[in-house]
Amino acid sequence: MNNQNEAQYTAAGTYINDVKRKNAEAGLSYNEVKKLLAQNGGHGTAMYSDTDVTEVKQQIQGKKQ
C-alpha cells in the first residue's frame, strides 16, 4: 500500500491527482483555444480554419461586379 501512495506524489511532493483535477476544471486547453481562435478569427491560425478561401474570394468578386 505504501508504494501506491508514493506513486501518487511527484519527487517534489506534488499530489498528482489533485493537479489533474485542477487542470480538468481550469477551462480550455491550449489547443482548444487555438481552434476557437481559428474559427472566429485570429492571427496565424489559418491551418485550423475551416473557411474555404476560394469560396470567399468568389463571393467578394461577385459583390464587386
PDB file of N, CA and C in Angstrom:
ATOM      1  N   MET A   1       0.828  -1.196   0.000  1.00  0.00           N
ATOM      2  CA  MET A   1       0.000   0.000   0.000  1.00  0.00           C
ATOM      3  C   MET A   1       0.867   1.253   0.000  1.00  0.00           C
ATOM      4  N   ASN A   2       1.992   1.184   0.602  1.00  0.00           N
ATOM      5  CA  ASN A   2       2.889   2.329   0.655  1.00  0.00           C
ATOM      6  C   ASN A   2       3.371   2.728  -0.729  1.00  0.00           C
ATOM      7  N   ASN A   3       3.663   1.760  -1.593  1.00  0.00           N
ATOM      8  CA  ASN A   3       4.111   2.061  -2.952  1.00  0.00           C
ATOM      9  C   ASN A   3       3.026   2.773  -3.755  1.00  0.00           C
ATOM     10  N   GLN A   4       1.783   2.380  -3.546  1.00  0.00           N
ATOM     11  CA  GLN A   4       0.683   3.009  -4.276  1.00  0.00           C
ATOM     12  C   GLN A   4       0.531   4.470  -3.853  1.00  0.00           C
ATOM     13  N   ASN A   5       0.644   4.763  -2.569  1.00  0.00           N
ATOM     14  CA  ASN A   5       0.538   6.139  -2.097  1.00  0.00           C
ATOM     15  C   ASN A   5       1.708   6.973  -2.593  1.00  0.00           C
ATOM     16  N   GLU A   6       2.894   6.398  -2.614  1.00  0.00           N
ATOM     17  CA  GLU A   6       4.071   7.117  -3.093  1.00  0.00           C
ATOM     18  C   GLU A   6       3.946   7.437  -4.579  1.00  0.00           C
ATOM     19  N   ALA A   7       3.313   6.568  -5.338  1.00  0.00           N
ATOM     20  CA  ALA A   7       3.170   6.766  -6.778  1.00  0.00           C
ATOM     21  C   ALA A   7       2.255   7.945  -7.093  1.00  0.00           C
ATOM     22  N   GLN A   8       1.430   8.356  -6.158  1.00  0.00           N
ATOM     23  CA  GLN A   8       0.505   9.457  -6.383  1.00  0.00           C
ATOM     24  C   GLN A   8       1.162  10.817  -6.167  1.00  0.00           C
ATOM     25  N   TYR A   9       2.397  10.831  -5.702  1.00  0.00           N
ATOM     26  CA  TYR A   9       3.118  12.075  -5.455  1.00  0.00           C
ATOM     27  C   TYR A   9       4.362  12.146  -6.329  1.00  0.00           C
ATOM     28  N   THR A  10       4.717  13.351  -6.757  1.00  0.00           N
ATOM     29  CA  THR A  10       5.958  13.533  -7.506  1.00  0.00           C
ATOM     30  C   THR A  10       7.117  13.556  -6.525  1.00  0.00           C
ATOM     31  N   ALA A  11       8.333  13.588  -7.046  1.00  0.00           N
ATOM     32  CA  ALA A  11       9.520  13.651  -6.195  1.00  0.00           C
ATOM     33  C   ALA A  11       9.520  14.924  -5.348  1.00  0.00           C
ATOM     34  N   ALA A  12       8.881  15.973  -5.846  1.00  0.00           N
ATOM     35  CA  ALA A  12       8.822  17.241  -5.110  1.00  0.00           C
ATOM     36  C   ALA A  12       7.686  17.263  -4.087  1.00  0.00           C
ATOM     37  N   GLY A  13       6.859  16.211  -4.081  1.00  0.00           N
ATOM     38  CA  GLY A  13       5.775  16.128  -3.121  1.00  0.00           C
ATOM     39  C   GLY A  13       4.435  16.629  -3.626  1.00  0.00           C
ATOM     40  N   THR A  14       4.321  16.861  -4.917  1.00  0.00           N
ATOM     41  CA  THR A  14       3.062  17.320  -5.504  1.00  0.00           C
ATOM     42  C   THR A  14       2.106  16.146  -5.652  1.00  0.00           C
ATOM     43  N   TYR A  15       0.865  16.338  -5.238  1.00  0.00           N
ATOM     44  CA  TYR A  15      -0.145  15.300  -5.345  1.00  0.00           C
ATOM     45  C   TYR A  15      -0.681  15.287  -6.770  1.00  0.00           C
ATOM     46  N   ILE A  16      -0.355  14.264  -7.521  1.00  0.00           N
ATOM     47  CA  ILE A  16      -0.639  14.183  -8.953  1.00  0.00           C
ATOM     48  C   ILE A  16      -2.135  14.248  -9.248  1.00  0.00           C
ATOM     49  N   ASN A  17      -2.936  13.521  -8.505  1.00  0.00           N
ATOM     50  CA  ASN A  17      -4.379  13.504  -8.771  1.00  0.00           C
ATOM     51  C   ASN A  17      -5.011  14.875  -8.559  1.00  0.00           C
ATOM     52  N   ASP A  18      -4.498  15.639  -7.601  1.00  0.00           N
ATOM     53  CA  ASP A  18      -5.011  16.989  -7.366  1.00  0.00           C
ATOM     54  C   ASP A  18      -4.689  17.898  -8.547  1.00  0.00           C
ATOM     55  N   VAL A  19      -3.493  17.770  -9.090  1.00  0.00           N
ATOM     56  CA  VAL A  19      -3.098  18.566 -10.256  1.00  0.00           C
ATOM     57  C   VAL A  19      -3.969  18.216 -11.454  1.00  0.00           C
ATOM     58  N   LYS A  20      -4.210  16.937 -11.679  1.00  0.00           N
ATOM     59  CA  LYS A  20      -5.057  16.505 -12.795  1.00  0.00           C
ATOM     60  C   LYS A  20      -6.478  17.039 -12.646  1.00  0.00           C
ATOM     61  N   ARG A  21      -7.002  17.007 -11.433  1.00  0.00           N
ATOM     62  CA  ARG A  21      -8.358  17.505 -11.181  1.00  0.00           C
ATOM     63  C   ARG A  21      -8.436  19.005 -11.454  1.00  0.00           C
ATOM     64  N   LYS A  22      -7.457  19.754 -10.971  1.00  0.00           N
ATOM     65  CA  LYS A  22      -7.450  21.206 -11.184  1.00  0.00           C
ATOM     66  C   LYS A  22      -7.300  21.547 -12.664  1.00  0.00           C
ATOM     67  N   ASN A  23      -6.493  20.787 -13.386  1.00  0.00           N
ATOM     68  CA  ASN A  23      -6.348  21.010 -14.828  1.00  0.00           C
ATOM     69  C   ASN A  23      -7.666  20.772 -15.557  1.00  0.00           C
ATOM     70  N   ALA A  24      -8.387  19.752 -15.155  1.00  0.00           N
ATOM     71  CA  ALA A  24      -9.666  19.441 -15.799  1.00  0.00           C
ATOM     72  C   ALA A  24     -10.696  20.539 -15.550  1.00  0.00           C
ATOM     73  N   GLU A  25     -10.594  21.212 -14.412  1.00  0.00           N
ATOM     74  CA  GLU A  25     -11.541  22.270 -14.062  1.00  0.00           C
ATOM     75  C   GLU A  25     -11.113  23.638 -14.593  1.00  0.00           C
ATOM     76  N   ALA A  26      -9.921  23.735 -15.148  1.00  0.00           N
ATOM     77  CA  ALA A  26      -9.329  25.032 -15.486  1.00  0.00           C
ATOM     78  C   ALA A  26      -9.928  25.684 -16.726  1.00  0.00           C
ATOM     79  N   GLY A  27     -10.632  24.970 -17.556  1.00  0.00           N
ATOM     80  CA  GLY A  27     -11.203  25.561 -18.758  1.00  0.00           C
ATOM     81  C   GLY A  27     -10.589  24.964 -20.001  1.00  0.00           C
ATOM     82  N   LEU A  28     -10.434  25.781 -21.025  1.00  0.00           N
ATOM     83  CA  LEU A  28      -9.955  25.315 -22.321  1.00  0.00           C
ATOM     84  C   LEU A  28      -8.467  25.005 -22.293  1.00  0.00           C
ATOM     85  N   SER A  29      -8.077  23.995 -23.056  1.00  0.00           N
ATOM     86  CA  SER A  29      -6.662  23.688 -23.221  1.00  0.00           C
ATOM     87  C   SER A  29      -6.065  24.632 -24.263  1.00  0.00           C
ATOM     88  N   TYR A  30      -4.764  24.621 -24.376  1.00  0.00           N
ATOM     89  CA  TYR A  30      -4.062  25.465 -25.342  1.00  0.00           C
ATOM     90  C   TYR A  30      -4.565  25.198 -26.761  1.00  0.00           C
ATOM     91  N   ASN A  31      -4.672  23.918 -27.128  1.00  0.00           N
ATOM     92  CA  ASN A  31      -5.129  23.565 -28.476  1.00  0.00           C
ATOM     93  C   ASN A  31      -6.596  23.917 -28.693  1.00  0.00           C
ATOM     94  N   GLU A  32      -7.419  23.815 -27.656  1.00  0.00           N
ATOM     95  CA  GLU A  32      -8.821  24.201 -27.789  1.00  0.00           C
ATOM     96  C   GLU A  32      -8.947  25.703 -28.036  1.00  0.00           C
ATOM     97  N   VAL A  33      -8.102  26.486 -27.380  1.00  0.00           N
ATOM     98  CA  VAL A  33      -8.107  27.935 -27.594  1.00  0.00           C
ATOM     99  C   VAL A  33      -7.670  28.260 -29.015  1.00  0.00           C
ATOM    100  N   LYS A  34      -6.621  27.587 -29.503  1.00  0.00           N
ATOM    101  CA  LYS A  34      -6.162  27.821 -30.878  1.00  0.00           C
ATOM    102  C   LYS A  34      -7.266  27.496 -31.878  1.00  0.00           C
ATOM    103  N   LYS A  35      -7.966  26.412 -31.662  1.00  0.00           N
ATOM    104  CA  LYS A  35      -9.048  26.028 -32.566  1.00  0.00           C
ATOM    105  C   LYS A  35     -10.177  27.059 -32.526  1.00  0.00           C
ATOM    106  N   LEU A  36     -10.535  27.515 -31.337  1.00  0.00           N
ATOM    107  CA  LEU A  36     -11.592  28.513 -31.195  1.00  0.00           C
ATOM    108  C   LEU A  36     -11.208  29.820 -31.881  1.00  0.00           C
ATOM    109  N   LEU A  37      -9.968  30.245 -31.720  1.00  0.00           N
ATOM    110  CA  LEU A  37      -9.497  31.458 -32.391  1.00  0.00           C
ATOM    111  C   LEU A  37      -9.540  31.303 -33.908  1.00  0.00           C
ATOM    112  N   ALA A  38      -9.173  30.135 -34.387  1.00  0.00           N
ATOM    113  CA  ALA A  38      -9.167  29.896 -35.833  1.00  0.00           C
ATOM    114  C   ALA A  38     -10.576  29.968 -36.408  1.00  0.00           C
ATOM    115  N   GLN A  39     -11.527  29.490 -35.666  1.00  0.00           N
ATOM    116  CA  GLN A  39     -12.905  29.503 -36.145  1.00  0.00           C
ATOM    117  C   GLN A  39     -13.507  30.905 -36.108  1.00  0.00           C
ATOM    118  N   ASN A  40     -13.007  31.740 -35.208  1.00  0.00           N
ATOM    119  CA  ASN A  40     -13.579  33.075 -35.030  1.00  0.00           C
ATOM    120  C   ASN A  40     -12.638  34.194 -35.449  1.00  0.00           C
ATOM    121  N   GLY A  41     -11.507  33.868 -36.006  1.00  0.00           N
ATOM    122  CA  GLY A  41     -10.514  34.866 -36.386  1.00  0.00           C
ATOM    123  C   GLY A  41      -9.320  34.774 -35.456  1.00  0.00           C
ATOM    124  N   GLY A  42      -8.233  35.357 -35.859  1.00  0.00           N
ATOM    125  CA  GLY A  42      -7.019  35.313 -35.062  1.00  0.00           C
ATOM    126  C   GLY A  42      -5.824  35.214 -35.976  1.00  0.00           C
ATOM    127  N   HIS A  43      -4.711  35.809 -35.578  1.00  0.00           N
ATOM    128  CA  HIS A  43      -3.510  35.860 -36.409  1.00  0.00           C
ATOM    129  C   HIS A  43      -2.742  34.537 -36.347  1.00  0.00           C
ATOM    130  N   GLY A  44      -2.337  34.028 -37.494  1.00  0.00           N
ATOM    131  CA  GLY A  44      -1.509  32.823 -37.555  1.00  0.00           C
ATOM    132  C   GLY A  44      -2.244  31.534 -37.267  1.00  0.00           C
ATOM    133  N   THR A  45      -3.540  31.513 -37.471  1.00  0.00           N
ATOM    134  CA  THR A  45      -4.315  30.314 -37.152  1.00  0.00           C
ATOM    135  C   THR A  45      -5.000  29.714 -38.372  1.00  0.00           C
ATOM    136  N   ALA A  46      -4.553  30.086 -39.552  1.00  0.00           N
ATOM    137  CA  ALA A  46      -5.211  29.635 -40.786  1.00  0.00           C
ATOM    138  C   ALA A  46      -5.268  28.116 -40.904  1.00  0.00           C
ATOM    139  N   MET A  47      -4.255  27.419 -40.398  1.00  0.00           N
ATOM    140  CA  MET A  47      -4.244  25.962 -40.543  1.00  0.00           C
ATOM    141  C   MET A  47      -5.369  25.296 -39.751  1.00  0.00           C
ATOM    142  N   TYR A  48      -5.966  26.003 -38.804  1.00  0.00           N
ATOM    143  CA  TYR A  48      -7.065  25.446 -38.025  1.00  0.00           C
ATOM    144  C   TYR A  48      -8.432  25.885 -38.549  1.00  0.00           C
ATOM    145  N   SER A  49      -8.435  26.767 -39.522  1.00  0.00           N
ATOM    146  CA  SER A  49      -9.682  27.334 -40.025  1.00  0.00           C
ATOM    147  C   SER A  49     -10.371  26.381 -40.990  1.00  0.00           C
ATOM    148  N   ASP A  50     -11.693  26.385 -40.950  1.00  0.00           N
ATOM    149  CA  ASP A  50     -12.456  25.576 -41.903  1.00  0.00           C
ATOM    150  C   ASP A  50     -13.066  26.462 -42.989  1.00  0.00           C
ATOM    151  N   THR A  51     -12.553  27.681 -43.142  1.00  0.00           N
ATOM    152  CA  THR A  51     -13.022  28.609 -44.168  1.00  0.00           C
ATOM    153  C   THR A  51     -12.485  28.202 -45.529  1.00  0.00           C
ATOM    154  N   ASP A  52     -13.358  28.165 -46.522  1.00  0.00           N
ATOM    155  CA  ASP A  52     -12.953  27.879 -47.894  1.00  0.00           C
ATOM    156  C   ASP A  52     -12.543  29.202 -48.541  1.00  0.00           C
ATOM    157  N   VAL A  53     -11.244  29.414 -48.682  1.00  0.00           N
ATOM    158  CA  VAL A  53     -10.705  30.672 -49.187  1.00  0.00           C
ATOM    159  C   VAL A  53     -11.210  30.962 -50.595  1.00  0.00           C
ATOM    160  N   THR A  54     -11.266  29.954 -51.436  1.00  0.00           N
ATOM    161  CA  THR A  54     -11.732  30.128 -52.811  1.00  0.00           C
ATOM    162  C   THR A  54     -13.179  30.614 -52.835  1.00  0.00           C
ATOM    163  N   GLU A  55     -14.006  30.041 -52.001  1.00  0.00           N
ATOM    164  CA  GLU A  55     -15.410  30.441 -51.934  1.00  0.00           C
ATOM    165  C   GLU A  55     -15.543  31.898 -51.482  1.00  0.00           C
ATOM    166  N   VAL A  56     -14.764  32.297 -50.516  1.00  0.00           N
ATOM    167  CA  VAL A  56     -14.806  33.680 -50.035  1.00  0.00           C
ATOM    168  C   VAL A  56     -14.362  34.635 -51.131  1.00  0.00           C
ATOM    169  N   LYS A  57     -13.299  34.278 -51.848  1.00  0.00           N
ATOM    170  CA  LYS A  57     -12.823  35.132 -52.943  1.00  0.00           C
ATOM    171  C   LYS A  57     -13.890  35.285 -54.021  1.00  0.00           C
ATOM    172  N   GLN A  58     -14.599  34.199 -54.335  1.00  0.00           N
ATOM    173  CA  GLN A  58     -15.664  34.258 -55.335  1.00  0.00           C
ATOM    174  C   GLN A  58     -16.801  35.160 -54.863  1.00  0.00           C
ATOM    175  N   GLN A  59     -17.128  35.091 -53.598  1.00  0.00           N
ATOM    176  CA  GLN A  59     -18.184  35.946 -53.053  1.00  0.00           C
ATOM    177  C   GLN A  59     -17.776  37.415 -53.131  1.00  0.00           C
ATOM    178  N   ILE A  60     -16.522  37.704 -52.838  1.00  0.00           N
ATOM    179  CA  ILE A  60     -16.027  39.078 -52.897  1.00  0.00           C
ATOM    180  C   ILE A  60     -16.056  39.588 -54.332  1.00  0.00           C
ATOM    181  N   GLN A  61     -15.600  38.767 -55.265  1.00  0.00           N
ATOM    182  CA  GLN A  61     -15.591  39.159 -56.673  1.00  0.00           C
ATOM    183  C   GLN A  61     -17.010  39.391 -57.182  1.00  0.00           C
ATOM    184  N   GLY A  62     -17.957  38.597 -56.745  1.00  0.00           N
ATOM    185  CA  GLY A  62     -19.349  38.743 -57.157  1.00  0.00           C
ATOM    186  C   GLY A  62     -19.950  40.056 -56.682  1.00  0.00           C
ATOM    187  N   LYS A  63     -19.543  40.524 -55.524  1.00  0.00           N
ATOM    188  CA  LYS A  63     -20.060  41.777 -54.976  1.00  0.00           C
ATOM    189  C   LYS A  63     -19.483  42.985 -55.697  1.00  0.00           C
ATOM    190  N   LYS A  64     -18.275  42.855 -56.239  1.00  0.00           N
ATOM    191  CA  LYS A  64     -17.620  43.971 -56.929  1.00  0.00           C
ATOM    192  C   LYS A  64     -18.239  44.235 -58.293  1.00  0.00           C
ATOM    193  N   GLN A  65     -18.835  43.220 -58.908  1.00  0.00           N
ATOM    194  CA  GLN A  65     -19.363  43.366 -60.270  1.00  0.00           C
ATOM    195  C   GLN A  65     -20.678  44.007 -60.297  1.00  0.00           C
TER     196      GLN A  65
END
